[in-house]
């Protein structure tokens, strides 16, 4: 005797959290959101240091070994990377780690995008900051302006279960991105930066 075939196949169970795939990174928690930020490093001439573009190619594959000038004009190299901070301005001083919503993230020198998957949602906006760091081999240094220019904090709300995209932040180095690598114009003055 043949087995009767059901008229409709059973549908697989729906996921418990029907949000976008990026939000699934947050573990389907309704009280957190995802924050994304990207950056571009350019010279004072607007030419890119990193990343390279089809119309404006760069000689650098990352910011892990950039040309600089040390004491007495000596050629040296440095690593440029960033710290990403999320501050609750209601707390007070955003330079105080106690006011950070999540621990600051030290971002690698070979990337241009970062995703924070579990940021507590809030009704009031947070301040998001990308802070430049230079390392010449003896630990990170926060360079003085205008050595490295990073835009000020971005104010945005983090909504539960949604992605907050901070877009692309442009960082400017006080050197020329289209100068030949190692040439005087391409080198950042690390003494003026306060990092040597």
N, C-alpha and C. Protein backbone atom coordinates (compact mmCIF):
# COMPACT_ATOMS: atom_id res chain seq x y z
N UNK A 1 0.85 -1.18 0.00
CA UNK A 1 0.00 0.00 0.00
C UNK A 1 0.90 1.24 0.00
N UNK A 2 0.71 2.16 -0.97
CA UNK A 2 1.57 3.34 -1.04
C UNK A 2 1.32 4.28 0.14
N UNK A 3 2.42 4.97 0.53
CA UNK A 3 2.33 5.95 1.62
C UNK A 3 1.76 7.24 1.05
N UNK A 4 0.75 7.82 1.68
CA UNK A 4 0.19 9.06 1.14
C UNK A 4 1.20 10.20 1.22
N UNK A 5 1.23 11.01 0.16
CA UNK A 5 2.14 12.15 0.10
C UNK A 5 1.41 13.39 0.60
N UNK A 6 2.01 14.11 1.56
CA UNK A 6 1.32 15.33 2.03
C UNK A 6 1.23 16.36 0.92
N UNK A 7 0.17 17.13 0.95
CA UNK A 7 -0.03 18.14 -0.09
C UNK A 7 0.97 19.27 -0.01
N UNK A 8 1.43 19.58 1.17
CA UNK A 8 2.42 20.65 1.35
C UNK A 8 3.56 20.13 2.19
N UNK A 9 4.75 20.47 1.78
CA UNK A 9 5.93 20.07 2.56
C UNK A 9 6.04 20.95 3.79
N UNK A 10 6.59 20.39 4.84
CA UNK A 10 6.79 21.18 6.06
C UNK A 10 7.90 22.19 5.83
N UNK A 11 7.67 23.38 6.28
CA UNK A 11 8.70 24.42 6.18
C UNK A 11 9.67 24.29 7.34
N UNK A 12 10.93 24.59 7.08
CA UNK A 12 11.87 24.55 8.20
C UNK A 12 11.51 25.63 9.21
N UNK A 13 11.84 25.41 10.49
CA UNK A 13 11.50 26.43 11.49
C UNK A 13 12.20 27.74 11.21
N UNK A 14 11.52 28.84 11.47
CA UNK A 14 12.10 30.16 11.28
C UNK A 14 13.11 30.44 12.37
N UNK A 15 14.18 31.18 12.06
CA UNK A 15 15.14 31.50 13.11
C UNK A 15 14.48 32.36 14.19
N UNK A 16 14.98 32.23 15.39
CA UNK A 16 14.40 32.97 16.51
C UNK A 16 14.60 34.46 16.39
N UNK A 17 15.57 34.85 15.59
CA UNK A 17 15.92 36.27 15.47
C UNK A 17 15.96 36.65 14.00
N UNK A 18 14.91 37.19 13.42
CA UNK A 18 14.85 37.41 11.98
C UNK A 18 15.51 38.70 11.51
N UNK A 19 16.68 39.04 12.05
CA UNK A 19 17.35 40.28 11.63
C UNK A 19 18.36 40.00 10.54
N UNK A 20 19.00 41.04 10.07
CA UNK A 20 20.00 40.92 9.01
C UNK A 20 21.18 40.08 9.46
N UNK A 21 21.91 39.54 8.47
CA UNK A 21 23.02 38.64 8.78
C UNK A 21 24.07 39.31 9.66
N UNK A 22 24.30 40.59 9.45
CA UNK A 22 25.32 41.28 10.27
C UNK A 22 24.91 41.32 11.73
N UNK A 23 23.62 41.42 11.98
CA UNK A 23 23.16 41.48 13.35
C UNK A 23 23.30 40.13 14.03
N UNK A 24 23.26 39.06 13.22
CA UNK A 24 23.44 37.73 13.79
C UNK A 24 24.81 37.60 14.45
N UNK A 25 25.76 38.44 14.00
CA UNK A 25 27.08 38.46 14.65
C UNK A 25 26.93 38.86 16.11
N UNK A 26 25.92 39.63 16.40
CA UNK A 26 25.72 40.11 17.76
C UNK A 26 25.02 39.07 18.63
N UNK A 27 24.89 37.86 18.13
CA UNK A 27 24.31 36.79 18.93
C UNK A 27 22.81 36.93 19.11
N UNK A 28 22.16 37.65 18.20
CA UNK A 28 20.70 37.79 18.26
C UNK A 28 20.24 38.40 19.57
N UNK A 29 21.00 39.30 20.11
CA UNK A 29 20.62 39.93 21.36
C UNK A 29 19.86 41.22 21.04
N UNK A 30 18.65 41.37 21.55
CA UNK A 30 17.84 42.53 21.20
C UNK A 30 18.33 43.85 21.81
N UNK A 31 19.31 43.80 22.71
CA UNK A 31 19.76 45.02 23.36
C UNK A 31 21.10 45.51 22.83
N UNK A 32 21.56 44.96 21.70
CA UNK A 32 22.82 45.39 21.11
C UNK A 32 22.64 45.68 19.64
N UNK A 33 23.57 46.45 19.09
CA UNK A 33 23.62 46.72 17.66
C UNK A 33 25.03 46.49 17.16
N UNK A 34 25.19 46.60 15.85
CA UNK A 34 26.48 46.44 15.19
C UNK A 34 26.94 47.80 14.69
N UNK A 35 28.23 48.11 14.86
CA UNK A 35 28.78 49.38 14.38
C UNK A 35 29.91 49.08 13.39
N UNK A 36 29.89 49.76 12.26
CA UNK A 36 30.93 49.58 11.25
C UNK A 36 31.57 50.93 10.93
N UNK A 37 32.88 50.89 10.73
CA UNK A 37 33.61 52.09 10.32
C UNK A 37 34.69 51.69 9.32
N UNK A 38 34.97 52.55 8.37
CA UNK A 38 36.05 52.34 7.41
C UNK A 38 36.87 53.62 7.34
N UNK A 39 38.10 53.51 6.87
CA UNK A 39 38.96 54.69 6.79
C UNK A 39 39.85 54.61 5.57
N UNK A 40 40.37 55.78 5.21
CA UNK A 40 41.28 55.94 4.08
C UNK A 40 42.40 56.85 4.57
N UNK A 41 43.64 56.47 4.28
CA UNK A 41 44.79 57.29 4.68
C UNK A 41 45.34 57.97 3.43
N UNK A 42 45.38 59.30 3.45
CA UNK A 42 45.86 60.07 2.31
C UNK A 42 46.94 61.04 2.77
N UNK A 43 47.69 61.54 1.80
CA UNK A 43 48.70 62.55 2.08
C UNK A 43 48.10 63.94 2.06
N UNK A 44 48.92 64.95 2.36
CA UNK A 44 48.41 66.32 2.35
C UNK A 44 48.00 66.75 0.95
N UNK A 45 48.50 66.03 -0.08
CA UNK A 45 48.14 66.31 -1.47
C UNK A 45 46.86 65.59 -1.88
N UNK A 46 46.28 64.81 -0.97
CA UNK A 46 45.06 64.07 -1.28
C UNK A 46 45.30 62.72 -1.91
N UNK A 47 46.54 62.43 -2.30
CA UNK A 47 46.86 61.13 -2.91
C UNK A 47 46.87 60.05 -1.83
N UNK A 48 46.45 58.84 -2.17
CA UNK A 48 46.30 57.81 -1.14
C UNK A 48 47.63 57.20 -0.70
N UNK A 49 47.74 56.97 0.59
CA UNK A 49 48.78 56.11 1.12
C UNK A 49 48.23 54.68 1.18
N UNK A 50 46.98 54.56 1.67
CA UNK A 50 46.34 53.26 1.77
C UNK A 50 44.86 53.46 2.04
N UNK A 51 43.97 52.76 1.37
CA UNK A 51 44.23 51.75 0.33
C UNK A 51 44.45 52.41 -1.02
N UNK A 52 44.88 51.61 -1.95
CA UNK A 52 45.11 52.06 -3.31
C UNK A 52 43.80 52.02 -4.08
N UNK A 53 43.67 52.90 -5.04
CA UNK A 53 42.48 52.89 -5.90
C UNK A 53 42.88 52.69 -7.35
N UNK A 54 41.92 52.31 -8.18
CA UNK A 54 42.22 52.08 -9.60
C UNK A 54 42.68 53.36 -10.28
N UNK A 55 42.04 54.47 -9.92
CA UNK A 55 42.38 55.74 -10.57
C UNK A 55 43.52 56.46 -9.87
N UNK A 56 43.74 56.15 -8.60
CA UNK A 56 44.81 56.78 -7.83
C UNK A 56 45.62 55.70 -7.12
N UNK A 57 46.49 55.00 -7.84
CA UNK A 57 47.25 53.90 -7.21
C UNK A 57 48.24 54.42 -6.18
N UNK A 58 48.54 53.58 -5.22
CA UNK A 58 49.49 53.89 -4.17
C UNK A 58 50.62 52.87 -4.18
N UNK A 59 51.77 53.28 -3.66
CA UNK A 59 52.91 52.37 -3.59
C UNK A 59 52.89 51.52 -2.32
N UNK A 60 51.90 51.74 -1.46
CA UNK A 60 51.88 51.08 -0.16
C UNK A 60 50.75 50.06 -0.08
N UNK A 61 51.06 48.88 0.43
CA UNK A 61 50.06 47.81 0.57
C UNK A 61 49.35 47.87 1.91
N UNK A 62 49.85 48.66 2.84
CA UNK A 62 49.26 48.81 4.16
C UNK A 62 49.93 50.01 4.82
N UNK A 63 49.71 50.21 6.11
CA UNK A 63 50.38 51.30 6.82
C UNK A 63 51.29 50.74 7.91
N UNK A 64 51.83 49.55 7.64
CA UNK A 64 52.69 48.86 8.62
C UNK A 64 54.16 49.24 8.49
N UNK A 65 54.55 49.87 7.39
CA UNK A 65 55.96 50.20 7.18
C UNK A 65 56.05 51.44 6.29
N UNK A 66 55.70 52.59 6.86
CA UNK A 66 55.69 53.83 6.11
C UNK A 66 57.00 54.60 6.35
N UNK A 67 57.42 55.44 5.38
CA UNK A 67 58.68 56.18 5.52
C UNK A 67 58.53 57.40 6.43
N UNK A 68 59.53 57.57 7.30
CA UNK A 68 59.53 58.71 8.21
C UNK A 68 60.91 59.29 8.36
N UNK A 69 60.97 60.44 9.06
CA UNK A 69 62.23 61.12 9.35
C UNK A 69 62.37 61.23 10.85
N UNK A 70 63.53 60.82 11.35
CA UNK A 70 63.81 60.87 12.77
C UNK A 70 64.73 62.02 13.13
N UNK A 71 65.35 62.00 14.31
CA UNK A 71 66.27 63.06 14.73
C UNK A 71 67.42 63.24 13.74
N UNK A 72 67.74 64.49 13.47
CA UNK A 72 68.84 64.79 12.55
C UNK A 72 68.52 64.47 11.11
N UNK A 73 67.26 64.25 10.78
CA UNK A 73 66.86 63.95 9.41
C UNK A 73 67.10 62.52 9.00
N UNK A 74 67.41 61.66 9.97
CA UNK A 74 67.67 60.25 9.64
C UNK A 74 66.40 59.57 9.15
N UNK A 75 66.56 58.76 8.10
CA UNK A 75 65.43 58.01 7.57
C UNK A 75 65.08 56.88 8.52
N UNK A 76 63.80 56.72 8.76
CA UNK A 76 63.32 55.63 9.61
C UNK A 76 61.95 55.21 9.09
N UNK A 77 61.39 54.19 9.67
CA UNK A 77 60.05 53.76 9.27
C UNK A 77 59.15 53.71 10.50
N UNK A 78 57.88 53.69 10.26
CA UNK A 78 56.92 53.66 11.37
C UNK A 78 55.69 52.87 10.94
N UNK A 79 54.93 52.46 11.93
CA UNK A 79 53.67 51.76 11.72
C UNK A 79 52.56 52.71 12.16
N UNK A 80 51.59 52.92 11.28
CA UNK A 80 50.42 53.74 11.60
C UNK A 80 49.22 52.82 11.79
N UNK A 81 48.58 52.93 12.93
CA UNK A 81 47.36 52.16 13.16
C UNK A 81 46.40 53.03 13.94
N UNK A 82 45.23 52.50 14.26
CA UNK A 82 44.18 53.31 14.87
C UNK A 82 43.56 52.59 16.06
N UNK A 83 43.08 53.38 17.00
CA UNK A 83 42.27 52.89 18.10
C UNK A 83 40.85 53.40 17.85
N UNK A 84 39.88 52.53 18.00
CA UNK A 84 38.49 52.90 17.81
C UNK A 84 37.80 52.92 19.17
N UNK A 85 37.22 54.07 19.50
CA UNK A 85 36.60 54.25 20.81
C UNK A 85 35.13 54.64 20.66
N UNK A 86 34.32 54.10 21.53
CA UNK A 86 32.89 54.45 21.58
C UNK A 86 32.62 54.98 22.98
N UNK A 87 32.23 56.24 23.07
CA UNK A 87 32.07 56.91 24.36
C UNK A 87 30.62 57.31 24.60
N UNK A 88 30.21 57.19 25.84
CA UNK A 88 28.91 57.72 26.26
C UNK A 88 29.15 59.12 26.80
N UNK A 89 28.79 60.17 26.04
CA UNK A 89 29.10 61.53 26.48
C UNK A 89 28.43 61.91 27.80
N UNK A 90 27.36 61.22 28.18
CA UNK A 90 26.71 61.51 29.46
C UNK A 90 27.61 61.14 30.63
N UNK A 91 28.60 60.30 30.36
CA UNK A 91 29.54 59.87 31.41
C UNK A 91 30.49 60.99 31.80
N UNK A 92 30.84 61.82 30.82
CA UNK A 92 31.77 62.91 31.11
C UNK A 92 32.93 62.94 30.15
N UNK A 93 34.14 62.63 30.62
CA UNK A 93 35.38 62.76 29.86
C UNK A 93 35.59 61.54 28.95
N UNK A 94 35.51 61.75 27.64
CA UNK A 94 35.65 60.65 26.69
C UNK A 94 37.09 60.15 26.58
N UNK A 95 38.06 60.86 27.15
CA UNK A 95 39.43 60.34 27.17
C UNK A 95 39.61 59.33 28.31
N UNK A 96 38.62 59.24 29.19
CA UNK A 96 38.66 58.30 30.31
C UNK A 96 38.08 56.97 29.85
N UNK A 97 38.86 55.88 29.88
CA UNK A 97 38.34 54.57 29.46
C UNK A 97 37.09 54.14 30.21
N UNK A 98 36.86 54.70 31.41
CA UNK A 98 35.66 54.34 32.16
C UNK A 98 34.39 54.82 31.45
N UNK A 99 34.51 55.79 30.55
CA UNK A 99 33.36 56.31 29.81
C UNK A 99 33.15 55.59 28.48
N UNK A 100 34.02 54.63 28.16
CA UNK A 100 33.87 53.88 26.92
C UNK A 100 32.78 52.83 27.09
N UNK A 101 31.92 52.73 26.10
CA UNK A 101 30.79 51.80 26.13
C UNK A 101 31.29 50.35 26.04
N UNK A 102 32.30 50.14 25.22
CA UNK A 102 33.00 48.85 25.10
C UNK A 102 34.49 49.18 25.13
N UNK A 103 35.36 48.23 25.44
CA UNK A 103 36.79 48.53 25.44
C UNK A 103 37.26 49.03 24.07
N UNK A 104 38.19 49.98 24.08
CA UNK A 104 38.74 50.49 22.83
C UNK A 104 39.39 49.35 22.05
N UNK A 105 39.24 49.40 20.74
CA UNK A 105 39.80 48.36 19.87
C UNK A 105 41.03 48.91 19.16
N UNK A 106 42.18 48.25 19.30
CA UNK A 106 43.38 48.60 18.55
C UNK A 106 43.34 47.85 17.23
N UNK A 107 43.25 48.60 16.13
CA UNK A 107 43.01 48.02 14.81
C UNK A 107 44.31 47.77 14.08
N UNK A 108 44.41 46.68 13.34
CA UNK A 108 45.65 46.35 12.64
C UNK A 108 45.99 47.36 11.56
N UNK A 109 47.27 47.41 11.20
CA UNK A 109 47.75 48.37 10.20
C UNK A 109 47.54 47.89 8.77
N UNK A 110 46.97 46.69 8.60
CA UNK A 110 46.77 46.16 7.25
C UNK A 110 45.29 45.99 6.91
N UNK A 111 44.46 46.84 7.51
CA UNK A 111 43.03 46.78 7.23
C UNK A 111 42.47 48.19 7.13
N UNK A 112 41.28 48.30 6.55
CA UNK A 112 40.65 49.61 6.39
C UNK A 112 39.21 49.62 6.87
N UNK A 113 38.78 48.53 7.53
CA UNK A 113 37.40 48.44 8.00
C UNK A 113 37.37 47.68 9.31
N UNK A 114 36.45 48.11 10.18
CA UNK A 114 36.29 47.42 11.46
C UNK A 114 34.80 47.31 11.78
N UNK A 115 34.42 46.16 12.33
CA UNK A 115 33.05 45.92 12.76
C UNK A 115 33.04 45.59 14.24
N UNK A 116 32.30 46.37 15.00
CA UNK A 116 32.09 46.08 16.43
C UNK A 116 30.73 45.39 16.53
N UNK A 117 30.71 44.08 16.83
CA UNK A 117 29.46 43.33 16.72
C UNK A 117 28.51 43.44 17.90
N UNK A 118 28.98 43.86 19.05
CA UNK A 118 28.11 43.87 20.24
C UNK A 118 28.23 45.19 20.99
N UNK A 119 27.57 46.21 20.45
CA UNK A 119 27.57 47.53 21.08
C UNK A 119 26.21 47.74 21.74
N UNK A 120 26.18 48.02 23.03
CA UNK A 120 24.89 48.22 23.69
C UNK A 120 24.07 49.32 23.03
N UNK A 121 22.82 49.01 22.77
CA UNK A 121 21.92 50.00 22.18
C UNK A 121 21.56 51.05 23.24
N UNK A 122 21.24 52.26 22.77
CA UNK A 122 20.90 53.34 23.70
C UNK A 122 19.98 54.34 23.01
N UNK A 123 19.18 55.05 23.80
CA UNK A 123 18.29 56.07 23.26
C UNK A 123 19.05 57.34 22.89
N UNK A 124 20.16 57.60 23.59
CA UNK A 124 20.95 58.80 23.32
C UNK A 124 22.16 58.44 22.47
N UNK A 125 22.64 59.38 21.65
CA UNK A 125 23.78 59.08 20.77
C UNK A 125 25.10 58.90 21.53
N UNK A 126 25.95 58.09 20.96
CA UNK A 126 27.32 57.91 21.43
C UNK A 126 28.25 58.77 20.57
N UNK A 127 29.49 58.93 21.05
CA UNK A 127 30.54 59.57 20.27
C UNK A 127 31.53 58.50 19.83
N UNK A 128 31.78 58.42 18.53
CA UNK A 128 32.68 57.42 17.95
C UNK A 128 33.95 58.13 17.48
N UNK A 129 35.10 57.65 17.93
CA UNK A 129 36.37 58.30 17.58
C UNK A 129 37.36 57.28 17.03
N UNK A 130 38.05 57.69 15.98
CA UNK A 130 39.17 56.94 15.44
C UNK A 130 40.42 57.73 15.81
N UNK A 131 41.29 57.15 16.62
CA UNK A 131 42.48 57.86 17.10
C UNK A 131 43.73 57.25 16.47
N UNK A 132 44.56 58.11 15.88
CA UNK A 132 45.79 57.64 15.23
C UNK A 132 46.84 57.27 16.27
N UNK A 133 47.60 56.24 15.95
CA UNK A 133 48.73 55.80 16.77
C UNK A 133 49.90 55.52 15.85
N UNK A 134 51.09 55.95 16.27
CA UNK A 134 52.32 55.69 15.53
C UNK A 134 53.23 54.85 16.41
N UNK A 135 53.83 53.84 15.81
CA UNK A 135 54.77 52.99 16.55
C UNK A 135 56.07 52.92 15.75
N UNK A 136 57.15 53.37 16.36
CA UNK A 136 58.46 53.30 15.71
C UNK A 136 59.29 52.15 16.29
N UNK A 137 58.64 51.31 17.07
CA UNK A 137 59.31 50.13 17.60
C UNK A 137 59.41 50.10 19.10
N UNK A 138 59.06 51.20 19.75
CA UNK A 138 59.15 51.22 21.22
C UNK A 138 57.81 51.50 21.88
N UNK A 139 56.73 51.15 21.20
CA UNK A 139 55.40 51.33 21.75
C UNK A 139 54.64 52.44 21.05
N UNK A 140 53.31 52.44 21.17
CA UNK A 140 52.49 53.41 20.45
C UNK A 140 52.59 54.82 21.01
N UNK A 141 52.46 55.77 20.11
CA UNK A 141 52.50 57.20 20.44
C UNK A 141 51.30 57.84 19.75
N UNK A 142 50.65 58.77 20.43
CA UNK A 142 49.57 59.53 19.79
C UNK A 142 50.19 60.76 19.14
N UNK A 143 50.21 60.82 17.81
CA UNK A 143 50.89 61.93 17.14
C UNK A 143 50.19 63.27 17.34
N UNK A 144 50.99 64.31 17.37
CA UNK A 144 50.45 65.66 17.51
C UNK A 144 49.90 66.13 16.16
N UNK A 145 48.87 66.97 16.21
CA UNK A 145 48.35 67.59 14.99
C UNK A 145 49.30 68.72 14.59
N UNK A 146 49.46 69.02 13.32
CA UNK A 146 48.78 68.44 12.16
C UNK A 146 49.55 67.28 11.53
N UNK A 147 50.41 66.65 12.29
CA UNK A 147 51.19 65.53 11.78
C UNK A 147 50.27 64.47 11.17
N UNK A 148 49.26 64.06 11.91
CA UNK A 148 48.22 63.15 11.43
C UNK A 148 46.89 63.80 11.79
N UNK A 149 46.06 64.05 10.79
CA UNK A 149 44.77 64.71 11.03
C UNK A 149 43.64 63.69 10.88
N UNK A 150 42.90 63.52 11.96
CA UNK A 150 41.76 62.61 11.97
C UNK A 150 40.53 63.45 12.29
N UNK A 151 39.43 63.27 11.56
CA UNK A 151 38.22 64.04 11.87
C UNK A 151 37.77 63.81 13.31
N UNK A 152 37.05 64.78 13.84
CA UNK A 152 36.56 64.70 15.21
C UNK A 152 35.54 63.60 15.39
N UNK A 153 35.07 63.43 16.63
CA UNK A 153 34.13 62.35 16.92
C UNK A 153 32.85 62.44 16.08
N UNK A 154 32.32 61.27 15.76
CA UNK A 154 31.07 61.15 15.02
C UNK A 154 29.97 60.82 16.03
N UNK A 155 28.86 61.52 15.94
CA UNK A 155 27.76 61.29 16.87
C UNK A 155 26.66 60.49 16.18
N UNK A 156 26.34 59.33 16.75
CA UNK A 156 25.30 58.48 16.19
C UNK A 156 24.61 57.69 17.30
N UNK A 157 23.37 57.31 17.05
CA UNK A 157 22.65 56.41 17.95
C UNK A 157 22.89 54.97 17.51
N UNK A 158 22.91 54.06 18.46
CA UNK A 158 22.98 52.64 18.17
C UNK A 158 21.62 52.05 18.51
N UNK A 159 20.96 51.51 17.51
CA UNK A 159 19.63 50.95 17.68
C UNK A 159 19.72 49.44 17.86
N UNK A 160 18.86 48.87 18.67
CA UNK A 160 18.92 47.42 18.88
C UNK A 160 18.64 46.65 17.59
N UNK A 161 19.51 45.69 17.31
CA UNK A 161 19.31 44.82 16.16
C UNK A 161 19.61 45.44 14.82
N UNK A 162 20.20 46.64 14.78
CA UNK A 162 20.50 47.31 13.52
C UNK A 162 22.00 47.58 13.37
N UNK A 163 22.40 47.88 12.14
CA UNK A 163 23.79 48.22 11.86
C UNK A 163 23.92 49.74 11.79
N UNK A 164 24.84 50.30 12.53
CA UNK A 164 25.16 51.72 12.46
C UNK A 164 26.44 51.84 11.64
N UNK A 165 26.32 52.38 10.43
CA UNK A 165 27.47 52.50 9.52
C UNK A 165 28.01 53.92 9.61
N UNK A 166 29.24 54.06 10.07
CA UNK A 166 29.85 55.38 10.24
C UNK A 166 30.50 55.87 8.95
N UNK A 167 30.37 55.11 7.89
CA UNK A 167 30.90 55.47 6.57
C UNK A 167 32.43 55.44 6.56
N UNK A 168 33.03 56.23 5.65
CA UNK A 168 34.48 56.23 5.49
C UNK A 168 35.06 57.52 6.06
N UNK A 169 36.01 57.38 6.96
CA UNK A 169 36.70 58.51 7.58
C UNK A 169 38.03 58.71 6.84
N UNK A 170 38.33 59.96 6.48
CA UNK A 170 39.62 60.21 5.82
C UNK A 170 40.63 60.74 6.82
N UNK A 171 41.78 60.11 6.84
CA UNK A 171 42.90 60.50 7.70
C UNK A 171 43.95 61.11 6.79
N UNK A 172 44.52 62.25 7.19
CA UNK A 172 45.54 62.93 6.38
C UNK A 172 46.88 62.91 7.10
N UNK A 173 47.91 62.47 6.38
CA UNK A 173 49.29 62.53 6.89
C UNK A 173 49.95 63.78 6.35
N UNK A 174 50.86 64.38 7.11
CA UNK A 174 51.60 65.56 6.66
C UNK A 174 52.79 65.11 5.82
N UNK A 175 52.48 64.42 4.73
CA UNK A 175 53.45 63.93 3.75
C UNK A 175 52.69 63.77 2.44
N UNK A 176 53.42 63.54 1.36
CA UNK A 176 52.78 63.45 0.05
C UNK A 176 52.61 62.00 -0.36
N UNK A 177 51.36 61.61 -0.59
CA UNK A 177 51.06 60.23 -0.94
C UNK A 177 51.54 59.81 -2.30
N UNK A 178 51.66 60.76 -3.25
CA UNK A 178 52.09 60.36 -4.59
C UNK A 178 53.59 60.57 -4.83
N UNK A 179 54.33 60.94 -3.79
CA UNK A 179 55.79 61.07 -3.92
C UNK A 179 56.42 59.68 -3.93
N UNK A 180 57.56 59.51 -4.59
CA UNK A 180 58.22 58.20 -4.59
C UNK A 180 58.51 57.74 -3.16
N UNK A 181 58.22 56.47 -2.86
CA UNK A 181 58.44 55.97 -1.50
C UNK A 181 59.87 56.18 -1.03
N UNK A 182 60.03 56.70 0.16
CA UNK A 182 61.35 56.95 0.72
C UNK A 182 61.90 58.32 0.38
N UNK A 183 61.27 59.03 -0.58
CA UNK A 183 61.73 60.38 -0.90
C UNK A 183 61.40 61.30 0.26
N UNK A 184 62.07 62.45 0.28
CA UNK A 184 61.86 63.38 1.39
C UNK A 184 60.40 63.80 1.51
N UNK A 185 59.73 64.00 0.37
CA UNK A 185 58.33 64.45 0.40
C UNK A 185 57.41 63.38 0.95
N UNK A 186 57.79 62.11 0.82
CA UNK A 186 56.93 61.01 1.28
C UNK A 186 57.09 60.72 2.77
N UNK A 187 58.15 61.28 3.39
CA UNK A 187 58.47 60.92 4.77
C UNK A 187 57.74 61.84 5.76
N UNK A 188 57.19 61.22 6.79
CA UNK A 188 56.53 61.94 7.86
C UNK A 188 57.57 62.33 8.90
N UNK A 189 57.55 63.57 9.37
CA UNK A 189 58.50 64.05 10.36
C UNK A 189 58.07 63.54 11.74
N UNK A 190 58.68 62.45 12.18
CA UNK A 190 58.29 61.80 13.42
C UNK A 190 58.70 62.60 14.66
N UNK A 191 59.68 63.48 14.51
CA UNK A 191 60.06 64.36 15.61
C UNK A 191 58.97 65.40 15.83
N UNK A 192 58.48 66.01 14.73
CA UNK A 192 57.40 66.99 14.83
C UNK A 192 56.12 66.32 15.34
N UNK A 193 55.97 65.05 15.05
CA UNK A 193 54.79 64.30 15.54
C UNK A 193 54.86 64.08 17.04
N UNK A 194 56.07 64.22 17.63
CA UNK A 194 56.24 63.95 19.05
C UNK A 194 56.44 62.48 19.35
N UNK A 195 56.79 61.70 18.32
CA UNK A 195 56.93 60.26 18.50
C UNK A 195 58.38 59.79 18.46
N UNK A 196 59.35 60.71 18.33
CA UNK A 196 60.78 60.38 18.41
C UNK A 196 61.52 61.51 19.09
